[in-house]
Amino acid sequence: MPDPQDIAEFIAGHLSRAHDARPIYRKLADAIAEAMRSSMADAGEHLPSERWLAAQLGISRVTLRRALDELAADGLLKRRQGARTAVARRVEKMLSTLTGFSDELRSRGIEPGQRWISRRIVNPSPAEAMALDLAGTDFIIRLLRVRLADGQPIAIERAAVPQTILPTGEQVTHSLYDALARLGAPPVRGVQRIRAGLMSRIDAELLESSPGSPLLIVERRCFLADDRPVEFTETRYNGESYDFLTELRA
């Protein structure tokens, strides 16, 4: 991490060039954001302490906190009571390609991981039965896990696959799509629905965040080459760490 003094001097220099009539906290937020864009502080690294930085910049801690709160609300910083402010890691996912979580992260130089919660053979819920064209008496493999990016929890994933396609959950070690490919049943197309939500207490505990923090909830339904449904997954992404991208063409 760069020397804290270098960060303070960079921010001070940016502030000195801001001559518009915006409130000082907004100018300060822009200056800190520019420091992050200039790699003065990379994802996961901590900023200098509030007390020290406010003294170096000659501003009040109230003004500094307001600027940091603005950046945290935009998902650029991660603030936690009793801990130093850290630069947030954000993961980008393309919406136009059918890729699994692990492949998506590896393509961006991030190491995927997981914490298994359960792998069970159960009857489907009404939503799962409808999505997978199953009867309520049929069986599915339900996979529940926390997905990690470089060791940090980023999403809660609940996947359902017909047992006729995936006999046991133990066949999935890391990538569900790799397991399905080994069984000769790779998904070839899918549809997604995205909505916003807020973390429950349980969501927050699993994602190491705070209740009420933003969620991006994605429901994905995937199909085999013969149009049979093969997967129905709900993934609850930490909205402070995940961005969805789509390419538009004229």
C-alpha atoms as a PDB file:
ATOM      1  CA  MET A   1       0.000   0.000   0.000  1.00  0.00           C
ATOM      2  CA  PRO A   2       1.317   3.522  -0.766  1.00  0.00           C
ATOM      3  CA  ASP A   3       2.534   5.640   2.103  1.00  0.00           C
ATOM      4  CA  PRO A   4      -0.386   7.345   3.934  1.00  0.00           C
ATOM      5  CA  GLN A   5       1.369  10.679   3.470  1.00  0.00           C
ATOM      6  CA  ASP A   6       1.325  10.162  -0.307  1.00  0.00           C
ATOM      7  CA  ILE A   7      -2.423   9.486  -0.182  1.00  0.00           C
ATOM      8  CA  ALA A   8      -3.034  12.630   1.892  1.00  0.00           C
ATOM      9  CA  GLU A   9      -0.941  14.755  -0.483  1.00  0.00           C
ATOM     10  CA  PHE A  10      -2.760  13.338  -3.520  1.00  0.00           C
ATOM     11  CA  ILE A  11      -6.171  14.150  -1.988  1.00  0.00           C
ATOM     12  CA  ALA A  12      -5.027  17.607  -0.887  1.00  0.00           C
ATOM     13  CA  GLY A  13      -3.743  18.373  -4.386  1.00  0.00           C
ATOM     14  CA  HIS A  14      -7.041  17.303  -5.947  1.00  0.00           C
ATOM     15  CA  LEU A  15      -8.967  19.485  -3.481  1.00  0.00           C
ATOM     16  CA  SER A  16      -6.787  22.494  -4.233  1.00  0.00           C
ATOM     17  CA  ARG A  17      -7.826  22.302  -7.894  1.00  0.00           C
ATOM     18  CA  ALA A  18     -11.565  22.084  -7.148  1.00  0.00           C
ATOM     19  CA  HIS A  19     -12.785  25.686  -7.393  1.00  0.00           C
ATOM     20  CA  ASP A  20     -16.515  25.059  -7.940  1.00  0.00           C
ATOM     21  CA  ALA A  21     -19.265  25.867  -5.454  1.00  0.00           C
ATOM     22  CA  ARG A  22     -20.008  22.301  -4.318  1.00  0.00           C
ATOM     23  CA  PRO A  23     -19.920  21.505  -0.593  1.00  0.00           C
ATOM     24  CA  ILE A  24     -16.477  20.563   0.667  1.00  0.00           C
ATOM     25  CA  TYR A  25     -17.554  17.010   1.552  1.00  0.00           C
ATOM     26  CA  ARG A  26     -18.541  16.364  -2.080  1.00  0.00           C
ATOM     27  CA  LYS A  27     -15.211  17.704  -3.343  1.00  0.00           C
ATOM     28  CA  LEU A  28     -13.484  15.545  -0.772  1.00  0.00           C
ATOM     29  CA  ALA A  29     -15.449  12.450  -1.858  1.00  0.00           C
ATOM     30  CA  ASP A  30     -14.391  13.082  -5.467  1.00  0.00           C
ATOM     31  CA  ALA A  31     -10.760  13.493  -4.392  1.00  0.00           C
ATOM     32  CA  ILE A  32     -10.768  10.206  -2.464  1.00  0.00           C
ATOM     33  CA  ALA A  33     -12.479   8.419  -5.358  1.00  0.00           C
ATOM     34  CA  GLU A  34      -9.823   9.779  -7.727  1.00  0.00           C
ATOM     35  CA  ALA A  35      -7.120   8.444  -5.402  1.00  0.00           C
ATOM     36  CA  MET A  36      -8.684   4.994  -5.676  1.00  0.00           C
ATOM     37  CA  ARG A  37      -8.955   5.234  -9.467  1.00  0.00           C
ATOM     38  CA  SER A  38      -5.275   6.201  -9.556  1.00  0.00           C
ATOM     39  CA  SER A  39      -4.416   3.034  -7.578  1.00  0.00           C
ATOM     40  CA  MET A  40      -3.298   4.998  -4.533  1.00  0.00           C
ATOM     41  CA  ALA A  41      -5.357   2.437  -2.585  1.00  0.00           C
ATOM     42  CA  ASP A  42      -6.366  -0.881  -4.119  1.00  0.00           C
ATOM     43  CA  ALA A  43      -9.333  -3.135  -3.330  1.00  0.00           C
ATOM     44  CA  GLY A  44      -9.185  -4.530   0.191  1.00  0.00           C
ATOM     45  CA  GLU A  45      -6.623  -2.001   1.433  1.00  0.00           C
ATOM     46  CA  HIS A  46      -7.411   0.355   4.307  1.00  0.00           C
ATOM     47  CA  LEU A  47      -7.410   4.123   4.128  1.00  0.00           C
ATOM     48  CA  PRO A  48      -5.469   6.107   6.739  1.00  0.00           C
ATOM     49  CA  SER A  49      -7.345   6.619  10.007  1.00  0.00           C
ATOM     50  CA  GLU A  50     -10.035   9.306  10.053  1.00  0.00           C
ATOM     51  CA  ARG A  51      -8.306  11.275  12.808  1.00  0.00           C
ATOM     52  CA  TRP A  52      -4.955  11.313  11.001  1.00  0.00           C
ATOM     53  CA  LEU A  53      -6.378  12.052   7.553  1.00  0.00           C
ATOM     54  CA  ALA A  54      -8.615  14.880   8.814  1.00  0.00           C
ATOM     55  CA  ALA A  55      -5.620  16.477  10.552  1.00  0.00           C
ATOM     56  CA  GLN A  56      -3.432  16.186   7.450  1.00  0.00           C
ATOM     57  CA  LEU A  57      -6.107  17.752   5.223  1.00  0.00           C
ATOM     58  CA  GLY A  58      -7.057  20.453   7.714  1.00  0.00           C
ATOM     59  CA  ILE A  59     -10.752  19.529   7.700  1.00  0.00           C
ATOM     60  CA  SER A  60     -13.162  18.372  10.400  1.00  0.00           C
ATOM     61  CA  ARG A  61     -13.771  14.697  11.037  1.00  0.00           C
ATOM     62  CA  VAL A  62     -17.486  15.361  10.537  1.00  0.00           C
ATOM     63  CA  THR A  63     -16.799  16.555   6.980  1.00  0.00           C
ATOM     64  CA  LEU A  64     -14.487  13.603   6.315  1.00  0.00           C
ATOM     65  CA  ARG A  65     -17.050  11.111   7.656  1.00  0.00           C
ATOM     66  CA  ARG A  66     -19.742  12.568   5.412  1.00  0.00           C
ATOM     67  CA  ALA A  67     -17.493  12.155   2.365  1.00  0.00           C
ATOM     68  CA  LEU A  68     -16.655   8.570   3.357  1.00  0.00           C
ATOM     69  CA  ASP A  69     -20.336   7.799   3.917  1.00  0.00           C
ATOM     70  CA  GLU A  70     -21.101   9.063   0.393  1.00  0.00           C
ATOM     71  CA  LEU A  71     -18.481   6.736  -1.081  1.00  0.00           C
ATOM     72  CA  ALA A  72     -19.713   3.812   1.014  1.00  0.00           C
ATOM     73  CA  ALA A  73     -23.272   4.417  -0.223  1.00  0.00           C
ATOM     74  CA  ASP A  74     -21.927   4.211  -3.786  1.00  0.00           C
ATOM     75  CA  GLY A  75     -20.249   0.889  -2.956  1.00  0.00           C
ATOM     76  CA  LEU A  76     -16.702   2.239  -3.321  1.00  0.00           C
ATOM     77  CA  LEU A  77     -15.756   1.901   0.350  1.00  0.00           C
ATOM     78  CA  LYS A  78     -16.532  -0.630   3.036  1.00  0.00           C
ATOM     79  CA  ARG A  79     -17.149   0.870   6.482  1.00  0.00           C
ATOM     80  CA  ARG A  80     -17.690  -1.121   9.640  1.00  0.00           C
ATOM     81  CA  GLN A  81     -18.127   0.050  13.225  1.00  0.00           C
ATOM     82  CA  GLY A  82     -14.852  -0.094  15.107  1.00  0.00           C
ATOM     83  CA  ALA A  83     -12.773  -0.879  12.012  1.00  0.00           C
ATOM     84  CA  ARG A  84     -10.789   1.232   9.555  1.00  0.00           C
ATOM     85  CA  THR A  85     -12.405   2.121   6.244  1.00  0.00           C
ATOM     86  CA  ALA A  86     -11.386  -0.201   3.400  1.00  0.00           C
ATOM     87  CA  VAL A  87     -11.564   0.107  -0.373  1.00  0.00           C
ATOM     88  CA  ALA A  88     -14.379  -2.159  -1.537  1.00  0.00           C
ATOM     89  CA  ARG A  89     -13.763  -4.935  -4.023  1.00  0.00           C
ATOM     90  CA  ARG A  90     -16.344  -4.986  -6.812  1.00  0.00           C
ATOM     91  CA  VAL A  91     -16.841  -7.930  -9.134  1.00  0.00           C
ATOM     92  CA  GLU A  92     -18.323  -7.394 -12.602  1.00  0.00           C
ATOM     93  CA  LYS A  93     -20.478 -10.021 -14.299  1.00  0.00           C
ATOM     94  CA  MET A  94     -21.556  -9.933 -17.932  1.00  0.00           C
ATOM     95  CA  LEU A  95     -25.253 -10.607 -18.452  1.00  0.00           C
ATOM     96  CA  SER A  96     -24.927 -11.700 -22.077  1.00  0.00           C
ATOM     97  CA  THR A  97     -23.001 -14.939 -21.486  1.00  0.00           C
ATOM     98  CA  LEU A  98     -23.969 -18.199 -19.778  1.00  0.00           C
ATOM     99  CA  THR A  99     -21.060 -18.844 -17.443  1.00  0.00           C
ATOM    100  CA  GLY A 100     -20.786 -20.265 -13.958  1.00  0.00           C
ATOM    101  CA  PHE A 101     -19.665 -18.321 -10.909  1.00  0.00           C
ATOM    102  CA  SER A 102     -16.208 -19.935 -10.803  1.00  0.00           C
ATOM    103  CA  ASP A 103     -15.391 -19.298 -14.471  1.00  0.00           C
ATOM    104  CA  GLU A 104     -16.702 -15.736 -14.224  1.00  0.00           C
ATOM    105  CA  LEU A 105     -14.356 -14.893 -11.340  1.00  0.00           C
ATOM    106  CA  ARG A 106     -11.319 -16.655 -12.815  1.00  0.00           C
ATOM    107  CA  SER A 107     -11.755 -14.690 -16.056  1.00  0.00           C
ATOM    108  CA  ARG A 108     -11.259 -11.528 -13.965  1.00  0.00           C
ATOM    109  CA  GLY A 109      -8.207 -12.789 -12.111  1.00  0.00           C
ATOM    110  CA  ILE A 110     -10.147 -13.526  -8.911  1.00  0.00           C
ATOM    111  CA  GLU A 111      -9.926 -16.840  -7.081  1.00  0.00           C
ATOM    112  CA  PRO A 112     -13.379 -18.383  -6.520  1.00  0.00           C
ATOM    113  CA  GLY A 113     -14.255 -20.317  -3.383  1.00  0.00           C
ATOM    114  CA  GLN A 114     -17.196 -21.540  -1.368  1.00  0.00           C
ATOM    115  CA  ARG A 115     -18.529 -22.496   2.025  1.00  0.00           C
ATOM    116  CA  TRP A 116     -20.982 -25.355   1.779  1.00  0.00           C
ATOM    117  CA  ILE A 117     -24.112 -25.079   3.912  1.00  0.00           C
ATOM    118  CA  SER A 118     -25.996 -28.132   2.628  1.00  0.00           C
ATOM    119  CA  ARG A 119     -26.295 -30.608  -0.260  1.00  0.00           C
ATOM    120  CA  ARG A 120     -29.587 -32.479   0.060  1.00  0.00           C
ATOM    121  CA  ILE A 121     -32.039 -34.677  -1.811  1.00  0.00           C
ATOM    122  CA  VAL A 122     -35.476 -33.130  -1.225  1.00  0.00           C
ATOM    123  CA  ASN A 123     -38.852 -32.590  -2.812  1.00  0.00           C
ATOM    124  CA  PRO A 124     -39.001 -29.285  -4.710  1.00  0.00           C
ATOM    125  CA  SER A 125     -40.667 -26.179  -3.368  1.00  0.00           C
ATOM    126  CA  PRO A 126     -43.598 -24.907  -5.483  1.00  0.00           C
ATOM    127  CA  ALA A 127     -41.299 -22.365  -7.169  1.00  0.00           C
ATOM    128  CA  GLU A 128     -38.648 -25.016  -7.898  1.00  0.00           C
ATOM    129  CA  ALA A 129     -41.243 -27.492  -9.203  1.00  0.00           C
ATOM    130  CA  MET A 130     -42.673 -24.873 -11.568  1.00  0.00           C
ATOM    131  CA  ALA A 131     -39.255 -23.734 -12.805  1.00  0.00           C
ATOM    132  CA  LEU A 132     -38.022 -27.293 -13.407  1.00  0.00           C
ATOM    133  CA  ASP A 133     -41.320 -28.707 -14.759  1.00  0.00           C
ATOM    134  CA  LEU A 134     -41.493 -31.246 -11.936  1.00  0.00           C
ATOM    135  CA  ALA A 135     -44.214 -32.671  -9.743  1.00  0.00           C
ATOM    136  CA  GLY A 136     -44.169 -31.953  -6.038  1.00  0.00           C
ATOM    137  CA  THR A 137     -43.393 -35.634  -5.384  1.00  0.00           C
ATOM    138  CA  ASP A 138     -40.304 -35.658  -7.613  1.00  0.00           C
ATOM    139  CA  PHE A 139     -36.823 -35.213  -6.144  1.00  0.00           C
ATOM    140  CA  ILE A 140     -34.222 -32.551  -6.665  1.00  0.00           C
ATOM    141  CA  ILE A 141     -30.685 -31.940  -5.486  1.00  0.00           C
ATOM    142  CA  ARG A 142     -30.685 -28.660  -3.565  1.00  0.00           C
ATOM    143  CA  LEU A 143     -27.281 -27.028  -3.152  1.00  0.00           C
ATOM    144  CA  LEU A 144     -26.861 -24.179  -0.673  1.00  0.00           C
ATOM    145  CA  ARG A 145     -23.533 -22.418  -0.280  1.00  0.00           C
ATOM    146  CA  VAL A 146     -21.807 -19.081   0.231  1.00  0.00           C
ATOM    147  CA  ARG A 147     -19.697 -18.098  -2.762  1.00  0.00           C
ATOM    148  CA  LEU A 148     -16.319 -16.437  -2.127  1.00  0.00           C
ATOM    149  CA  ALA A 149     -14.133 -14.079  -4.145  1.00  0.00           C
ATOM    150  CA  ASP A 150     -10.481 -14.163  -3.015  1.00  0.00           C
ATOM    151  CA  GLY A 151     -11.713 -15.595   0.282  1.00  0.00           C
ATOM    152  CA  GLN A 152     -14.370 -12.932   0.886  1.00  0.00           C
ATOM    153  CA  PRO A 153     -18.095 -13.838   0.930  1.00  0.00           C
ATOM    154  CA  ILE A 154     -19.864 -12.225  -1.997  1.00  0.00           C
ATOM    155  CA  ALA A 155     -23.053 -14.225  -2.619  1.00  0.00           C
ATOM    156  CA  ILE A 156     -25.449 -16.815  -1.208  1.00  0.00           C
ATOM    157  CA  GLU A 157     -26.405 -19.394  -3.814  1.00  0.00           C
ATOM    158  CA  ARG A 158     -29.303 -21.836  -3.691  1.00  0.00           C
ATOM    159  CA  ALA A 159     -29.400 -24.149  -6.717  1.00  0.00           C
ATOM    160  CA  ALA A 160     -31.923 -26.865  -7.595  1.00  0.00           C
ATOM    161  CA  VAL A 161     -31.288 -29.609 -10.185  1.00  0.00           C
ATOM    162  CA  PRO A 162     -33.567 -32.603 -10.980  1.00  0.00           C
ATOM    163  CA  GLN A 163     -32.179 -35.771  -9.394  1.00  0.00           C
ATOM    164  CA  THR A 164     -32.747 -37.550 -12.704  1.00  0.00           C
ATOM    165  CA  ILE A 165     -29.923 -35.364 -14.071  1.00  0.00           C
ATOM    166  CA  LEU A 166     -27.697 -34.933 -10.985  1.00  0.00           C
ATOM    167  CA  PRO A 167     -27.920 -38.064  -8.800  1.00  0.00           C
ATOM    168  CA  THR A 168     -26.177 -36.633  -5.689  1.00  0.00           C
ATOM    169  CA  GLY A 169     -24.955 -33.292  -4.433  1.00  0.00           C
ATOM    170  CA  GLU A 170     -21.542 -34.785  -3.649  1.00  0.00           C
ATOM    171  CA  GLN A 171     -20.871 -34.838  -7.400  1.00  0.00           C
ATOM    172  CA  VAL A 172     -20.569 -31.043  -7.210  1.00  0.00           C
ATOM    173  CA  THR A 173     -17.265 -30.052  -5.646  1.00  0.00           C
ATOM    174  CA  HIS A 174     -16.688 -26.518  -6.922  1.00  0.00           C
ATOM    175  CA  SER A 175     -18.493 -25.806 -10.201  1.00  0.00           C
ATOM    176  CA  LEU A 176     -22.047 -27.038 -10.791  1.00  0.00           C
ATOM    177  CA  TYR A 177     -21.621 -26.516 -14.527  1.00  0.00           C
ATOM    178  CA  ASP A 178     -18.455 -28.641 -14.561  1.00  0.00           C
ATOM    179  CA  ALA A 179     -20.353 -31.431 -12.787  1.00  0.00           C
ATOM    180  CA  LEU A 180     -23.230 -31.214 -15.262  1.00  0.00           C
ATOM    181  CA  ALA A 181     -20.783 -31.270 -18.184  1.00  0.00           C
ATOM    182  CA  ARG A 182     -19.181 -34.456 -16.820  1.00  0.00           C
ATOM    183  CA  LEU A 183     -22.657 -36.012 -16.719  1.00  0.00           C
ATOM    184  CA  GLY A 184     -23.301 -35.037 -20.327  1.00  0.00           C
ATOM    185  CA  ALA A 185     -25.899 -32.435 -19.337  1.00  0.00           C
ATOM    186  CA  PRO A 186     -24.355 -28.966 -19.801  1.00  0.00           C
ATOM    187  CA  PRO A 187     -26.767 -26.011 -19.885  1.00  0.00           C
ATOM    188  CA  VAL A 188     -26.870 -24.361 -23.304  1.00  0.00           C
ATOM    189  CA  ARG A 189     -29.164 -21.407 -22.635  1.00  0.00           C
ATOM    190  CA  GLY A 190     -30.788 -19.634 -19.738  1.00  0.00           C
ATOM    191  CA  VAL A 191     -33.012 -16.773 -18.650  1.00  0.00           C
ATOM    192  CA  GLN A 192     -32.437 -14.495 -15.671  1.00  0.00           C
ATOM    193  CA  ARG A 193     -34.524 -12.165 -13.582  1.00  0.00           C
ATOM    194  CA  ILE A 194     -32.843  -9.550 -11.395  1.00  0.00           C
ATOM    195  CA  ARG A 195     -34.419  -7.620  -8.560  1.00  0.00           C
ATOM    196  CA  ALA A 196     -33.227  -5.534  -5.650  1.00  0.00           C
ATOM    197  CA  GLY A 197     -33.570  -6.537  -2.014  1.00  0.00           C
ATOM    198  CA  LEU A 198     -32.246  -5.944   1.481  1.00  0.00           C
ATOM    199  CA  MET A 199     -30.230  -8.329   3.617  1.00  0.00           C
ATOM    200  CA  SER A 200     -31.968 -10.178   6.407  1.00  0.00           C
ATOM    201  CA  ARG A 201     -30.069 -10.891   9.605  1.00  0.00           C
ATOM    202  CA  ILE A 202     -29.116 -14.346   8.278  1.00  0.00           C
ATOM    203  CA  ASP A 203     -28.029 -12.927   4.890  1.00  0.00           C
ATOM    204  CA  ALA A 204     -25.872 -10.348   6.667  1.00  0.00           C
ATOM    205  CA  GLU A 205     -24.223 -12.962   8.881  1.00  0.00           C
ATOM    206  CA  LEU A 206     -23.346 -15.159   5.904  1.00  0.00           C
ATOM    207  CA  LEU A 207     -22.076 -12.234   3.827  1.00  0.00           C
ATOM    208  CA  GLU A 208     -20.276 -10.566   6.765  1.00  0.00           C
ATOM    209  CA  SER A 209     -22.271  -7.385   6.272  1.00  0.00           C
ATOM    210  CA  SER A 210     -25.062  -5.519   8.068  1.00  0.00           C
ATOM    211  CA  PRO A 211     -28.825  -6.225   8.067  1.00  0.00           C
ATOM    212  CA  GLY A 212     -30.565  -3.919   5.629  1.00  0.00           C
ATOM    213  CA  SER A 213     -27.575  -3.696   3.285  1.00  0.00           C
ATOM    214  CA  PRO A 214     -28.417  -3.893  -0.449  1.00  0.00           C
ATOM    215  CA  LEU A 215     -28.813  -7.191  -2.271  1.00  0.00           C
ATOM    216  CA  LEU A 216     -28.980  -8.037  -5.960  1.00  0.00           C
ATOM    217  CA  ILE A 217     -31.187 -11.117  -6.221  1.00  0.00           C
ATOM    218  CA  VAL A 218     -30.814 -13.120  -9.422  1.00  0.00           C
ATOM    219  CA  GLU A 219     -33.042 -16.041 -10.419  1.00  0.00           C
ATOM    220  CA  ARG A 220     -31.603 -18.147 -13.223  1.00  0.00           C
ATOM    221  CA  ARG A 221     -33.398 -20.914 -15.119  1.00  0.00           C
ATOM    222  CA  CYS A 222     -31.247 -22.965 -17.511  1.00  0.00           C
ATOM    223  CA  PHE A 223     -32.041 -25.563 -20.160  1.00  0.00           C
ATOM    224  CA  LEU A 224     -30.425 -28.500 -21.932  1.00  0.00           C
ATOM    225  CA  ALA A 225     -30.081 -28.779 -25.706  1.00  0.00           C
ATOM    226  CA  ASP A 226     -33.423 -30.639 -25.804  1.00  0.00           C
ATOM    227  CA  ASP A 227     -35.106 -27.758 -23.889  1.00  0.00           C
ATOM    228  CA  ARG A 228     -35.469 -29.669 -20.609  1.00  0.00           C
ATOM    229  CA  PRO A 229     -34.953 -27.439 -17.549  1.00  0.00           C
ATOM    230  CA  VAL A 230     -31.728 -28.427 -15.826  1.00  0.00           C
ATOM    231  CA  GLU A 231     -31.137 -25.732 -13.197  1.00  0.00           C
ATOM    232  CA  PHE A 232     -33.068 -23.225 -11.128  1.00  0.00           C
ATOM    233  CA  THR A 233     -30.855 -21.024  -8.966  1.00  0.00           C
ATOM    234  CA  GLU A 234     -31.438 -18.039  -6.738  1.00  0.00           C
ATOM    235  CA  THR A 235     -28.264 -16.106  -5.951  1.00  0.00           C
ATOM    236  CA  ARG A 236     -28.270 -13.271  -3.442  1.00  0.00           C
ATOM    237  CA  TYR A 237     -25.302 -11.023  -4.267  1.00  0.00           C
ATOM    238  CA  ASN A 238     -23.861  -8.436  -1.906  1.00  0.00           C
ATOM    239  CA  GLY A 239     -24.962  -5.266  -3.694  1.00  0.00           C
ATOM    240  CA  GLU A 240     -21.941  -3.386  -2.349  1.00  0.00           C
ATOM    241  CA  SER A 241     -19.533  -5.738  -4.132  1.00  0.00           C
ATOM    242  CA  TYR A 242     -21.138  -6.917  -7.358  1.00  0.00           C
ATOM    243  CA  ASP A 243     -21.949  -5.144 -10.639  1.00  0.00           C
ATOM    244  CA  PHE A 244     -23.837  -6.569 -13.615  1.00  0.00           C
ATOM    245  CA  LEU A 245     -22.767  -5.454 -17.092  1.00  0.00           C
ATOM    246  CA  THR A 246     -24.400  -5.834 -20.462  1.00  0.00           C
ATOM    247  CA  GLU A 247     -23.122  -4.876 -23.893  1.00  0.00           C
ATOM    248  CA  LEU A 248     -25.370  -2.781 -26.124  1.00  0.00           C
ATOM    249  CA  ARG A 249     -24.994  -2.491 -29.886  1.00  0.00           C
ATOM    250  CA  ALA A 250     -26.614  -0.089 -32.320  1.00  0.00           C
END
